Amino acid sequence: MPSPLPPPDGRRQGAHRIAVVAVPPVTAFDLSIPELVFGAAELDGRPAYEVRICTPDPGPVASTGSLQVVVPHGLDALARADTVMVTGSGARTEADERVLEALRAAARRGARVASICTGAFVLAQAGLLDGRSATTYWVQAGALGHRFPSVRVRPRALFVEDGPVLTSAGLTAGIDLCLHMVRTDHGAAVANAVARLAVVSAVRDGDQEQALPSPVSASDGRSLATTRAWALERLDEPLTLAALAAHAGVSVRTLNRRFLAEAGATPLQWLLTQRIERARELLESTDLPVDLVAGRAGFGTADSLRRHLLQRVGMTPRTYRTHFARPTR
């Protein structure tokens, strides 16, 4: 996984600038996601991001539904943007050439480029996905691969990061992508604070699968949410599949089936993700020795934490703390 971008605070003046491109006809829900997530991110009480919604011809923009969307900014917003995002659009074959050229120019000067849902078709038309792995809403994944054979389409992934280009599936996967970008830029504590404000899951890995047809559901209608909350309070304990199943009152086989349906991951995969997240927060917000961080996050030893953090984040605990630690009060 690529190393995180340098955080703006202390290393770059002002907030990280994000230009969100509305390509008519826009998907209104997708268009709202970047401001929902990035607009809630703060560093020491200051906005971490400056988000501008833009389009070739500012003013009313056609949407894929009955809502009328008014976009205030033109494509000149891309010229100084640190990150450029294209949200869901019905323009899957003939996007405005002005948009495509502005995207190419942003990529040439080194801006990070991302898409939500069918915005991937616009990036592909601009040639920015050539030779790269990418994803989109699963219903349109086959069409993306057929129309753009040079794109390595991963139809089941929630989001994909291939160098400076990121793509996501539809709707809530766009939230996952934006939270991933906040976490990459500013660390887990900032991203988790945003997730709490937005009342969404703090972290879902991009490799988790999209919810495809025929999902597995609990026959008795019970959810594992209570068991997941119980486990989050005991990450420092040696939680086993048997212990999780006993708390949920189900067999281990049923536990695995329901976890995949509800959380998009097996119980052990989910536990590992939550433990890495807990370790990242502790490394950022405390000066605890690494071995104590490892214990409180459930890794047992500093070596185990180091191995898993390197695999997931690409950094050792010491390097991660140096990069993302916040002043303790």
C-alpha atoms as a PDB file:
ATOM      1  CA  MET A   1       0.000   0.000   0.000  1.00  0.00           C
ATOM      2  CA  PRO A   2       1.386   3.459  -0.838  1.00  0.00           C
ATOM      3  CA  SER A   3       2.674   5.612   2.003  1.00  0.00           C
ATOM      4  CA  PRO A   4       0.140   8.158   3.299  1.00  0.00           C
ATOM      5  CA  LEU A   5       0.251  11.662   1.904  1.00  0.00           C
ATOM      6  CA  PRO A   6       1.927  14.221   4.180  1.00  0.00           C
ATOM      7  CA  PRO A   7      -0.736  15.749   6.438  1.00  0.00           C
ATOM      8  CA  PRO A   8      -1.520  19.390   5.648  1.00  0.00           C
ATOM      9  CA  ASP A   9      -1.060  20.649   9.224  1.00  0.00           C
ATOM     10  CA  GLY A  10       2.510  21.738   9.786  1.00  0.00           C
ATOM     11  CA  ARG A  11       3.675  20.712   6.317  1.00  0.00           C
ATOM     12  CA  ARG A  12       1.355  22.498   3.950  1.00  0.00           C
ATOM     13  CA  GLN A  13      -0.312  25.852   4.450  1.00  0.00           C
ATOM     14  CA  GLY A  14      -4.102  25.855   4.552  1.00  0.00           C
ATOM     15  CA  ALA A  15      -6.661  23.105   4.207  1.00  0.00           C
ATOM     16  CA  HIS A  16      -6.338  20.295   1.681  1.00  0.00           C
ATOM     17  CA  ARG A  17      -8.286  21.437  -1.380  1.00  0.00           C
ATOM     18  CA  ILE A  18     -10.785  18.987  -2.896  1.00  0.00           C
ATOM     19  CA  ALA A  19     -12.600  19.659  -6.167  1.00  0.00           C
ATOM     20  CA  VAL A  20     -15.669  17.486  -6.657  1.00  0.00           C
ATOM     21  CA  VAL A  21     -16.716  17.304 -10.299  1.00  0.00           C
ATOM     22  CA  ALA A  22     -20.439  17.034 -11.022  1.00  0.00           C
ATOM     23  CA  VAL A  23     -20.786  15.429 -14.451  1.00  0.00           C
ATOM     24  CA  PRO A  24     -24.400  15.648 -15.672  1.00  0.00           C
ATOM     25  CA  PRO A  25     -26.609  13.809 -15.144  1.00  0.00           C
ATOM     26  CA  VAL A  26     -25.361  13.550 -11.557  1.00  0.00           C
ATOM     27  CA  THR A  27     -26.366  11.127  -8.821  1.00  0.00           C
ATOM     28  CA  ALA A  28     -27.393  13.524  -6.064  1.00  0.00           C
ATOM     29  CA  PHE A  29     -26.600  11.165  -3.180  1.00  0.00           C
ATOM     30  CA  ASP A  30     -23.081  10.489  -4.448  1.00  0.00           C
ATOM     31  CA  LEU A  31     -22.513  14.226  -4.928  1.00  0.00           C
ATOM     32  CA  SER A  32     -23.291  14.883  -1.258  1.00  0.00           C
ATOM     33  CA  ILE A  33     -20.813  12.335   0.116  1.00  0.00           C
ATOM     34  CA  PRO A  34     -17.504  14.277  -0.147  1.00  0.00           C
ATOM     35  CA  GLU A  35     -18.856  17.302   1.734  1.00  0.00           C
ATOM     36  CA  LEU A  36     -20.485  15.026   4.313  1.00  0.00           C
ATOM     37  CA  VAL A  37     -17.183  13.309   5.097  1.00  0.00           C
ATOM     38  CA  PHE A  38     -14.426  15.820   4.325  1.00  0.00           C
ATOM     39  CA  GLY A  39     -16.467  18.736   5.667  1.00  0.00           C
ATOM     40  CA  ALA A  40     -16.593  17.097   9.096  1.00  0.00           C
ATOM     41  CA  ALA A  41     -12.815  16.540   9.381  1.00  0.00           C
ATOM     42  CA  GLU A  42     -10.999  18.928  11.714  1.00  0.00           C
ATOM     43  CA  LEU A  43      -7.412  19.427  12.856  1.00  0.00           C
ATOM     44  CA  ASP A  44      -7.063  21.298  16.144  1.00  0.00           C
ATOM     45  CA  GLY A  45     -10.468  22.844  15.628  1.00  0.00           C
ATOM     46  CA  ARG A  46      -9.755  23.949  12.046  1.00  0.00           C
ATOM     47  CA  PRO A  47     -11.261  22.467   8.864  1.00  0.00           C
ATOM     48  CA  ALA A  48      -8.911  19.862   7.432  1.00  0.00           C
ATOM     49  CA  TYR A  49     -10.362  20.177   3.930  1.00  0.00           C
ATOM     50  CA  GLU A  50     -11.828  22.791   1.628  1.00  0.00           C
ATOM     51  CA  VAL A  51     -14.427  21.201  -0.653  1.00  0.00           C
ATOM     52  CA  ARG A  52     -15.695  22.825  -3.842  1.00  0.00           C
ATOM     53  CA  ILE A  53     -18.356  21.318  -6.081  1.00  0.00           C
ATOM     54  CA  CYS A  54     -17.767  22.235  -9.726  1.00  0.00           C
ATOM     55  CA  THR A  55     -19.098  21.551 -13.215  1.00  0.00           C
ATOM     56  CA  PRO A  56     -18.397  22.779 -16.773  1.00  0.00           C
ATOM     57  CA  ASP A  57     -21.314  25.246 -16.735  1.00  0.00           C
ATOM     58  CA  PRO A  58     -22.082  26.470 -13.171  1.00  0.00           C
ATOM     59  CA  GLY A  59     -25.748  26.671 -12.251  1.00  0.00           C
ATOM     60  CA  PRO A  60     -28.543  24.089 -12.455  1.00  0.00           C
ATOM     61  CA  VAL A  61     -27.253  20.617 -13.341  1.00  0.00           C
ATOM     62  CA  ALA A  62     -29.368  17.688 -14.497  1.00  0.00           C
ATOM     63  CA  SER A  63     -29.580  14.743 -12.103  1.00  0.00           C
ATOM     64  CA  THR A  64     -30.498  11.092 -12.550  1.00  0.00           C
ATOM     65  CA  GLY A  65     -33.578  11.602 -10.361  1.00  0.00           C
ATOM     66  CA  SER A  66     -36.215  14.265  -9.784  1.00  0.00           C
ATOM     67  CA  LEU A  67     -34.005  16.591  -7.731  1.00  0.00           C
ATOM     68  CA  GLN A  68     -32.570  19.719  -9.301  1.00  0.00           C
ATOM     69  CA  VAL A  69     -28.942  20.310  -8.345  1.00  0.00           C
ATOM     70  CA  VAL A  70     -27.302  23.740  -8.457  1.00  0.00           C
ATOM     71  CA  VAL A  71     -23.493  23.742  -8.675  1.00  0.00           C
ATOM     72  CA  PRO A  72     -21.724  27.051  -7.911  1.00  0.00           C
ATOM     73  CA  HIS A  73     -18.193  26.581  -9.281  1.00  0.00           C
ATOM     74  CA  GLY A  74     -16.619  26.042 -12.696  1.00  0.00           C
ATOM     75  CA  LEU A  75     -13.807  23.686 -13.685  1.00  0.00           C
ATOM     76  CA  ASP A  76     -11.164  26.262 -12.769  1.00  0.00           C
ATOM     77  CA  ALA A  77     -11.508  24.814  -9.240  1.00  0.00           C
ATOM     78  CA  LEU A  78      -9.485  21.814 -10.457  1.00  0.00           C
ATOM     79  CA  ALA A  79      -6.427  23.923 -11.229  1.00  0.00           C
ATOM     80  CA  ARG A  80      -5.379  24.283  -7.577  1.00  0.00           C
ATOM     81  CA  ALA A  81      -7.016  21.198  -6.085  1.00  0.00           C
ATOM     82  CA  ASP A  82      -4.910  18.675  -4.159  1.00  0.00           C
ATOM     83  CA  THR A  83      -7.551  16.008  -4.776  1.00  0.00           C
ATOM     84  CA  VAL A  84     -10.082  15.760  -7.610  1.00  0.00           C
ATOM     85  CA  MET A  85     -13.160  13.529  -7.280  1.00  0.00           C
ATOM     86  CA  VAL A  86     -15.800  12.563  -9.819  1.00  0.00           C
ATOM     87  CA  THR A  87     -19.055  11.327  -8.316  1.00  0.00           C
ATOM     88  CA  GLY A  88     -21.727   9.094  -9.809  1.00  0.00           C
ATOM     89  CA  SER A  89     -22.944  10.103 -13.247  1.00  0.00           C
ATOM     90  CA  GLY A  90     -25.089   8.839 -16.071  1.00  0.00           C
ATOM     91  CA  ALA A  91     -22.404  10.018 -18.543  1.00  0.00           C
ATOM     92  CA  ARG A  92     -20.919   6.589 -19.079  1.00  0.00           C
ATOM     93  CA  THR A  93     -20.050   7.025 -22.742  1.00  0.00           C
ATOM     94  CA  GLU A  94     -19.724  10.666 -23.794  1.00  0.00           C
ATOM     95  CA  ALA A  95     -18.681  12.896 -20.913  1.00  0.00           C
ATOM     96  CA  ASP A  96     -18.009  16.563 -21.635  1.00  0.00           C
ATOM     97  CA  GLU A  97     -14.536  16.893 -23.197  1.00  0.00           C
ATOM     98  CA  ARG A  98     -13.908  19.915 -20.993  1.00  0.00           C
ATOM     99  CA  VAL A  99     -14.229  17.663 -17.948  1.00  0.00           C
ATOM    100  CA  LEU A 100     -11.943  15.018 -19.423  1.00  0.00           C
ATOM    101  CA  GLU A 101      -9.196  17.511 -20.247  1.00  0.00           C
ATOM    102  CA  ALA A 102      -9.434  19.155 -16.814  1.00  0.00           C
ATOM    103  CA  LEU A 103      -9.056  15.722 -15.204  1.00  0.00           C
ATOM    104  CA  ARG A 104      -6.038  14.894 -17.362  1.00  0.00           C
ATOM    105  CA  ALA A 105      -4.434  18.231 -16.483  1.00  0.00           C
ATOM    106  CA  ALA A 106      -4.995  17.644 -12.768  1.00  0.00           C
ATOM    107  CA  ALA A 107      -3.452  14.168 -12.997  1.00  0.00           C
ATOM    108  CA  ARG A 108      -0.454  15.486 -14.954  1.00  0.00           C
ATOM    109  CA  ARG A 109       0.407  17.981 -12.238  1.00  0.00           C
ATOM    110  CA  GLY A 110       0.185  15.300  -9.548  1.00  0.00           C
ATOM    111  CA  ALA A 111      -3.251  15.713  -7.997  1.00  0.00           C
ATOM    112  CA  ARG A 112      -4.807  12.692  -6.338  1.00  0.00           C
ATOM    113  CA  VAL A 113      -7.779  11.529  -8.439  1.00  0.00           C
ATOM    114  CA  ALA A 114     -10.779   9.559  -7.199  1.00  0.00           C
ATOM    115  CA  SER A 115     -14.250   8.475  -8.229  1.00  0.00           C
ATOM    116  CA  ILE A 116     -17.427   7.336  -6.526  1.00  0.00           C
ATOM    117  CA  CYS A 117     -19.704   4.781  -8.191  1.00  0.00           C
ATOM    118  CA  THR A 118     -20.097   5.335 -11.956  1.00  0.00           C
ATOM    119  CA  GLY A 119     -17.716   8.294 -11.824  1.00  0.00           C
ATOM    120  CA  ALA A 120     -15.174   5.603 -12.736  1.00  0.00           C
ATOM    121  CA  PHE A 121     -16.519   5.695 -16.300  1.00  0.00           C
ATOM    122  CA  VAL A 122     -15.532   9.369 -16.533  1.00  0.00           C
ATOM    123  CA  LEU A 123     -12.005   8.641 -15.254  1.00  0.00           C
ATOM    124  CA  ALA A 124     -11.767   5.803 -17.785  1.00  0.00           C
ATOM    125  CA  GLN A 125     -12.868   8.100 -20.628  1.00  0.00           C
ATOM    126  CA  ALA A 126     -10.089  10.482 -19.594  1.00  0.00           C
ATOM    127  CA  GLY A 127      -7.594   7.597 -19.839  1.00  0.00           C
ATOM    128  CA  LEU A 128      -6.744   7.792 -16.140  1.00  0.00           C
ATOM    129  CA  LEU A 129      -7.616   4.150 -15.445  1.00  0.00           C
ATOM    130  CA  ASP A 130      -5.587   2.660 -18.307  1.00  0.00           C
ATOM    131  CA  GLY A 131      -3.503  -0.199 -16.928  1.00  0.00           C
ATOM    132  CA  ARG A 132      -4.868   0.318 -13.420  1.00  0.00           C
ATOM    133  CA  SER A 133      -7.111  -1.682 -11.107  1.00  0.00           C
ATOM    134  CA  ALA A 134     -10.468  -0.063 -10.427  1.00  0.00           C
ATOM    135  CA  THR A 135     -13.991  -0.740  -9.248  1.00  0.00           C
ATOM    136  CA  THR A 136     -17.466   0.701  -9.681  1.00  0.00           C
ATOM    137  CA  TYR A 137     -21.050  -0.145  -8.751  1.00  0.00           C
ATOM    138  CA  TRP A 138     -21.294  -3.900  -9.302  1.00  0.00           C
ATOM    139  CA  VAL A 139     -24.239  -3.580 -11.698  1.00  0.00           C
ATOM    140  CA  GLN A 140     -22.031  -1.533 -14.057  1.00  0.00           C
ATOM    141  CA  ALA A 141     -18.740  -3.403 -13.508  1.00  0.00           C
ATOM    142  CA  GLY A 142     -19.195  -5.620 -16.558  1.00  0.00           C
ATOM    143  CA  ALA A 143     -19.927  -2.618 -18.758  1.00  0.00           C
ATOM    144  CA  LEU A 144     -16.828  -0.817 -17.471  1.00  0.00           C
ATOM    145  CA  GLY A 145     -14.604  -3.781 -18.311  1.00  0.00           C
ATOM    146  CA  HIS A 146     -16.213  -4.288 -21.715  1.00  0.00           C
ATOM    147  CA  ARG A 147     -15.962  -0.654 -22.794  1.00  0.00           C
ATOM    148  CA  PHE A 148     -12.487  -0.095 -21.333  1.00  0.00           C
ATOM    149  CA  PRO A 149     -10.556  -3.381 -21.643  1.00  0.00           C
ATOM    150  CA  SER A 150      -7.313  -1.759 -20.471  1.00  0.00           C
ATOM    151  CA  VAL A 151      -8.860  -1.307 -17.005  1.00  0.00           C
ATOM    152  CA  ARG A 152      -8.436  -4.176 -14.531  1.00  0.00           C
ATOM    153  CA  VAL A 153     -11.947  -4.138 -13.066  1.00  0.00           C
ATOM    154  CA  ARG A 154     -12.426  -5.573  -9.575  1.00  0.00           C
ATOM    155  CA  PRO A 155     -16.224  -5.865  -9.461  1.00  0.00           C
ATOM    156  CA  ARG A 156     -16.569  -7.006  -5.856  1.00  0.00           C
ATOM    157  CA  ALA A 157     -14.268  -4.524  -4.081  1.00  0.00           C
ATOM    158  CA  LEU A 158     -15.720  -1.660  -2.039  1.00  0.00           C
ATOM    159  CA  PHE A 159     -12.892   0.596  -3.170  1.00  0.00           C
ATOM    160  CA  VAL A 160      -9.554   0.250  -4.911  1.00  0.00           C
ATOM    161  CA  GLU A 161      -6.402   2.328  -4.514  1.00  0.00           C
ATOM    162  CA  ASP A 162      -3.928   2.074  -7.390  1.00  0.00           C
ATOM    163  CA  GLY A 163      -1.211   4.661  -6.888  1.00  0.00           C
ATOM    164  CA  PRO A 164      -2.683   8.174  -6.932  1.00  0.00           C
ATOM    165  CA  VAL A 165      -5.984   6.976  -8.412  1.00  0.00           C
ATOM    166  CA  LEU A 166      -8.802   5.674  -6.225  1.00  0.00           C
ATOM    167  CA  THR A 167     -12.202   4.314  -7.239  1.00  0.00           C
ATOM    168  CA  SER A 168     -15.159   3.090  -5.218  1.00  0.00           C
ATOM    169  CA  ALA A 169     -18.388   1.216  -5.613  1.00  0.00           C
ATOM    170  CA  GLY A 170     -21.694   3.008  -5.156  1.00  0.00           C
ATOM    171  CA  LEU A 171     -23.418   4.856  -2.340  1.00  0.00           C
ATOM    172  CA  THR A 172     -22.033   3.860   1.088  1.00  0.00           C
ATOM    173  CA  ALA A 173     -18.817   2.545  -0.481  1.00  0.00           C
ATOM    174  CA  GLY A 174     -18.175   6.180  -1.438  1.00  0.00           C
ATOM    175  CA  ILE A 175     -18.288   7.018   2.267  1.00  0.00           C
ATOM    176  CA  ASP A 176     -15.817   4.204   2.939  1.00  0.00           C
ATOM    177  CA  LEU A 177     -13.486   5.613   0.292  1.00  0.00           C
ATOM    178  CA  CYS A 178     -13.636   9.155   1.669  1.00  0.00           C
ATOM    179  CA  LEU A 179     -12.990   7.914   5.211  1.00  0.00           C
ATOM    180  CA  HIS A 180     -10.031   5.916   3.878  1.00  0.00           C
ATOM    181  CA  MET A 181      -8.654   9.104   2.324  1.00  0.00           C
ATOM    182  CA  VAL A 182      -9.088  11.025   5.594  1.00  0.00           C
ATOM    183  CA  ARG A 183      -7.354   8.190   7.430  1.00  0.00           C
ATOM    184  CA  THR A 184      -4.513   8.201   4.900  1.00  0.00           C
ATOM    185  CA  ASP A 185      -4.086  11.975   5.159  1.00  0.00           C
ATOM    186  CA  HIS A 186      -4.569  12.515   8.880  1.00  0.00           C
ATOM    187  CA  GLY A 187      -4.675   9.191  10.696  1.00  0.00           C
ATOM    188  CA  ALA A 188      -7.244   6.997  12.392  1.00  0.00           C
ATOM    189  CA  ALA A 189      -8.294   9.374  15.179  1.00  0.00           C
ATOM    190  CA  VAL A 190      -9.455  12.085  12.765  1.00  0.00           C
ATOM    191  CA  ALA A 191     -11.199   9.573  10.483  1.00  0.00           C
ATOM    192  CA  ASN A 192     -12.930   7.866  13.389  1.00  0.00           C
ATOM    193  CA  ALA A 193     -14.177  11.217  14.703  1.00  0.00           C
ATOM    194  CA  VAL A 194     -15.691  11.910  11.275  1.00  0.00           C
ATOM    195  CA  ALA A 195     -17.295   8.448  11.213  1.00  0.00           C
ATOM    196  CA  ARG A 196     -18.891   9.054  14.595  1.00  0.00           C
ATOM    197  CA  LEU A 197     -20.340  12.367  13.416  1.00  0.00           C
ATOM    198  CA  ALA A 198     -21.683  10.736  10.259  1.00  0.00           C
ATOM    199  CA  VAL A 199     -22.943   7.705  12.235  1.00  0.00           C
ATOM    200  CA  VAL A 200     -21.250   5.217   9.916  1.00  0.00           C
ATOM    201  CA  SER A 201     -18.785   2.367  10.361  1.00  0.00           C
ATOM    202  CA  ALA A 202     -15.355   3.744  11.135  1.00  0.00           C
ATOM    203  CA  VAL A 203     -13.522   1.398   8.817  1.00  0.00           C
ATOM    204  CA  ARG A 204     -14.376  -1.129   6.117  1.00  0.00           C
ATOM    205  CA  ASP A 205     -11.452  -2.370   4.070  1.00  0.00           C
ATOM    206  CA  GLY A 206     -11.552  -1.814   0.345  1.00  0.00           C
ATOM    207  CA  ASP A 207     -11.104  -5.543  -0.206  1.00  0.00           C
ATOM    208  CA  GLN A 208     -14.406  -6.281   1.512  1.00  0.00           C
ATOM    209  CA  GLU A 209     -16.995  -7.323  -1.018  1.00  0.00           C
ATOM    210  CA  GLN A 210     -19.924  -5.287  -2.243  1.00  0.00           C
ATOM    211  CA  ALA A 211     -23.311  -6.600  -1.166  1.00  0.00           C
ATOM    212  CA  LEU A 212     -24.278  -8.634  -4.213  1.00  0.00           C
ATOM    213  CA  PRO A 213     -27.710 -10.214  -4.796  1.00  0.00           C
ATOM    214  CA  SER A 214     -28.956 -13.044  -2.563  1.00  0.00           C
ATOM    215  CA  PRO A 215     -27.349 -11.869   0.688  1.00  0.00           C
ATOM    216  CA  VAL A 216     -27.297 -14.304   3.585  1.00  0.00           C
ATOM    217  CA  SER A 217     -29.677 -13.216   6.338  1.00  0.00           C
ATOM    218  CA  ALA A 218     -30.301 -14.403   9.844  1.00  0.00           C
ATOM    219  CA  SER A 219     -33.232 -16.806   9.906  1.00  0.00           C
ATOM    220  CA  ASP A 220     -34.469 -15.539  13.281  1.00  0.00           C
ATOM    221  CA  GLY A 221     -34.005 -11.853  12.412  1.00  0.00           C
ATOM    222  CA  ARG A 222     -31.330 -11.300  15.097  1.00  0.00           C
ATOM    223  CA  SER A 223     -28.346  -9.053  14.400  1.00  0.00           C
ATOM    224  CA  LEU A 224     -24.760  -9.486  15.563  1.00  0.00           C
ATOM    225  CA  ALA A 225     -24.463  -5.756  16.357  1.00  0.00           C
ATOM    226  CA  THR A 226     -24.592  -6.463  20.107  1.00  0.00           C
ATOM    227  CA  THR A 227     -21.850  -9.070  19.813  1.00  0.00           C
ATOM    228  CA  ARG A 228     -19.669  -6.728  17.756  1.00  0.00           C
ATOM    229  CA  ALA A 229     -20.104  -3.988  20.386  1.00  0.00           C
ATOM    230  CA  TRP A 230     -19.258  -6.522  23.108  1.00  0.00           C
ATOM    231  CA  ALA A 231     -16.098  -7.537  21.260  1.00  0.00           C
ATOM    232  CA  LEU A 232     -15.007  -3.920  20.758  1.00  0.00           C
ATOM    233  CA  GLU A 233     -14.945  -3.511  24.548  1.00  0.00           C
ATOM    234  CA  ARG A 234     -12.692  -6.570  24.872  1.00  0.00           C
ATOM    235  CA  LEU A 235     -10.154  -6.200  22.061  1.00  0.00           C
ATOM    236  CA  ASP A 236      -7.346  -6.673  24.587  1.00  0.00           C
ATOM    237  CA  GLU A 237      -8.661 -10.154  25.390  1.00  0.00           C
ATOM    238  CA  PRO A 238      -7.923 -13.352  23.392  1.00  0.00           C
ATOM    239  CA  LEU A 239     -11.315 -13.471  21.675  1.00  0.00           C
ATOM    240  CA  THR A 240     -12.009 -16.731  19.882  1.00  0.00           C
ATOM    241  CA  LEU A 241     -14.655 -17.811  17.419  1.00  0.00           C
ATOM    242  CA  ALA A 242     -16.143 -19.975  20.164  1.00  0.00           C
ATOM    243  CA  ALA A 243     -16.369 -16.998  22.549  1.00  0.00           C
ATOM    244  CA  LEU A 244     -18.014 -14.788  19.930  1.00  0.00           C
ATOM    245  CA  ALA A 245     -20.461 -17.542  18.980  1.00  0.00           C
ATOM    246  CA  ALA A 246     -21.329 -18.181  22.636  1.00  0.00           C
ATOM    247  CA  HIS A 247     -22.069 -14.495  23.208  1.00  0.00           C
ATOM    248  CA  ALA A 248     -24.259 -14.393  20.106  1.00  0.00           C
ATOM    249  CA  GLY A 249     -25.977 -17.639  21.088  1.00  0.00           C
ATOM    250  CA  VAL A 250     -25.267 -19.307  17.753  1.00  0.00           C
ATOM    251  CA  SER A 251     -22.981 -21.960  16.334  1.00  0.00           C
ATOM    252  CA  VAL A 252     -19.565 -21.024  14.936  1.00  0.00           C
ATOM    253  CA  ARG A 253     -20.839 -21.873  11.444  1.00  0.00           C
ATOM    254  CA  THR A 254     -23.813 -19.521  11.843  1.00  0.00           C
ATOM    255  CA  LEU A 255     -21.538 -16.849  13.322  1.00  0.00           C
ATOM    256  CA  ASN A 256     -19.307 -16.941  10.238  1.00  0.00           C
ATOM    257  CA  ARG A 257     -22.300 -16.817   7.900  1.00  0.00           C
ATOM    258  CA  ARG A 258     -23.916 -13.859   9.659  1.00  0.00           C
ATOM    259  CA  PHE A 259     -20.672 -11.914   9.994  1.00  0.00           C
ATOM    260  CA  LEU A 260     -20.107 -12.141   6.262  1.00  0.00           C
ATOM    261  CA  ALA A 261     -23.666 -10.966   5.618  1.00  0.00           C
ATOM    262  CA  GLU A 262     -23.629  -8.079   8.115  1.00  0.00           C
ATOM    263  CA  ALA A 263     -20.007  -6.913   8.216  1.00  0.00           C
ATOM    264  CA  GLY A 264     -18.671  -8.069   4.858  1.00  0.00           C
ATOM    265  CA  ALA A 265     -15.842  -9.986   6.532  1.00  0.00           C
ATOM    266  CA  THR A 266     -15.266 -13.102   8.622  1.00  0.00           C
ATOM    267  CA  PRO A 267     -15.194 -12.639  12.413  1.00  0.00           C
ATOM    268  CA  LEU A 268     -11.403 -12.976  12.540  1.00  0.00           C
ATOM    269  CA  GLN A 269     -10.899 -10.549   9.640  1.00  0.00           C
ATOM    270  CA  TRP A 270     -13.205  -8.069  11.361  1.00  0.00           C
ATOM    271  CA  LEU A 271     -11.372  -8.471  14.682  1.00  0.00           C
ATOM    272  CA  LEU A 272      -8.005  -7.857  13.027  1.00  0.00           C
ATOM    273  CA  THR A 273      -9.291  -4.671  11.383  1.00  0.00           C
ATOM    274  CA  GLN A 274     -10.691  -3.368  14.676  1.00  0.00           C
ATOM    275  CA  ARG A 275      -7.468  -4.166  16.531  1.00  0.00           C
ATOM    276  CA  ILE A 276      -5.364  -2.354  13.942  1.00  0.00           C
ATOM    277  CA  GLU A 277      -7.713   0.612  14.236  1.00  0.00           C
ATOM    278  CA  ARG A 278      -7.417   0.602  18.045  1.00  0.00           C
ATOM    279  CA  ALA A 279      -3.609   0.453  17.814  1.00  0.00           C
ATOM    280  CA  ARG A 280      -3.532   3.360  15.358  1.00  0.00           C
ATOM    281  CA  GLU A 281      -5.636   5.522  17.658  1.00  0.00           C
ATOM    282  CA  LEU A 282      -3.412   4.712  20.643  1.00  0.00           C
ATOM    283  CA  LEU A 283      -0.251   5.445  18.663  1.00  0.00           C
ATOM    284  CA  GLU A 284      -1.693   8.795  17.588  1.00  0.00           C
ATOM    285  CA  SER A 285      -3.220   9.960  20.858  1.00  0.00           C
ATOM    286  CA  THR A 286      -0.980   8.538  23.607  1.00  0.00           C
ATOM    287  CA  ASP A 287       2.692   8.153  24.396  1.00  0.00           C
ATOM    288  CA  LEU A 288       2.273   4.575  25.625  1.00  0.00           C
ATOM    289  CA  PRO A 289       5.213   2.258  24.818  1.00  0.00           C
ATOM    290  CA  VAL A 290       4.587   0.137  21.746  1.00  0.00           C
ATOM    291  CA  ASP A 291       4.375  -3.084  23.748  1.00  0.00           C
ATOM    292  CA  LEU A 292       1.552  -1.623  25.860  1.00  0.00           C
ATOM    293  CA  VAL A 293      -0.210  -0.400  22.721  1.00  0.00           C
ATOM    294  CA  ALA A 294       0.060  -3.929  21.331  1.00  0.00           C
ATOM    295  CA  GLY A 295      -1.418  -5.380  24.516  1.00  0.00           C
ATOM    296  CA  ARG A 296      -4.343  -2.972  24.691  1.00  0.00           C
ATOM    297  CA  ALA A 297      -5.157  -3.543  21.032  1.00  0.00           C
ATOM    298  CA  GLY A 298      -5.101  -7.319  21.435  1.00  0.00           C
ATOM    299  CA  PHE A 299      -1.941  -8.137  19.493  1.00  0.00           C
ATOM    300  CA  GLY A 300      -0.105  -9.510  22.510  1.00  0.00           C
ATOM    301  CA  THR A 301       3.397  -8.492  21.470  1.00  0.00           C
ATOM    302  CA  ALA A 302       5.051  -5.517  19.821  1.00  0.00           C
ATOM    303  CA  ASP A 303       6.389  -7.827  17.095  1.00  0.00           C
ATOM    304  CA  SER A 304       2.885  -8.976  16.229  1.00  0.00           C
ATOM    305  CA  LEU A 305       1.628  -5.386  16.057  1.00  0.00           C
ATOM    306  CA  ARG A 306       4.605  -4.376  13.928  1.00  0.00           C
ATOM    307  CA  ARG A 307       3.996  -7.210  11.464  1.00  0.00           C
ATOM    308  CA  HIS A 308       0.278  -6.487  11.045  1.00  0.00           C
ATOM    309  CA  LEU A 309       0.689  -2.701  10.858  1.00  0.00           C
ATOM    310  CA  LEU A 310       3.382  -3.049   8.212  1.00  0.00           C
ATOM    311  CA  GLN A 311       1.145  -5.339   6.178  1.00  0.00           C
ATOM    312  CA  ARG A 312      -1.951  -3.138   6.460  1.00  0.00           C
ATOM    313  CA  VAL A 313      -0.547   0.416   6.563  1.00  0.00           C
ATOM    314  CA  GLY A 314       2.989   0.069   5.253  1.00  0.00           C
ATOM    315  CA  MET A 315       4.560   1.579   8.396  1.00  0.00           C
ATOM    316  CA  THR A 316       6.115   0.356  11.618  1.00  0.00           C
ATOM    317  CA  PRO A 317       4.483   1.549  14.878  1.00  0.00           C
ATOM    318  CA  ARG A 318       7.345   3.982  15.470  1.00  0.00           C
ATOM    319  CA  THR A 319       7.088   5.472  11.963  1.00  0.00           C
ATOM    320  CA  TYR A 320       3.306   5.670  12.199  1.00  0.00           C
ATOM    321  CA  ARG A 321       3.499   7.516  15.527  1.00  0.00           C
ATOM    322  CA  THR A 322       6.083   9.946  14.159  1.00  0.00           C
ATOM    323  CA  HIS A 323       3.847  10.676  11.178  1.00  0.00           C
ATOM    324  CA  PHE A 324       0.482  11.001  12.895  1.00  0.00           C
ATOM    325  CA  ALA A 325       0.946  11.607  16.629  1.00  0.00           C
ATOM    326  CA  ARG A 326      -1.091  14.469  18.071  1.00  0.00           C
ATOM    327  CA  PRO A 327       0.157  16.599  20.984  1.00  0.00           C
ATOM    328  CA  THR A 328      -0.988  15.074  24.278  1.00  0.00           C
ATOM    329  CA  ARG A 329      -2.589  17.314  26.858  1.00  0.00           C
END
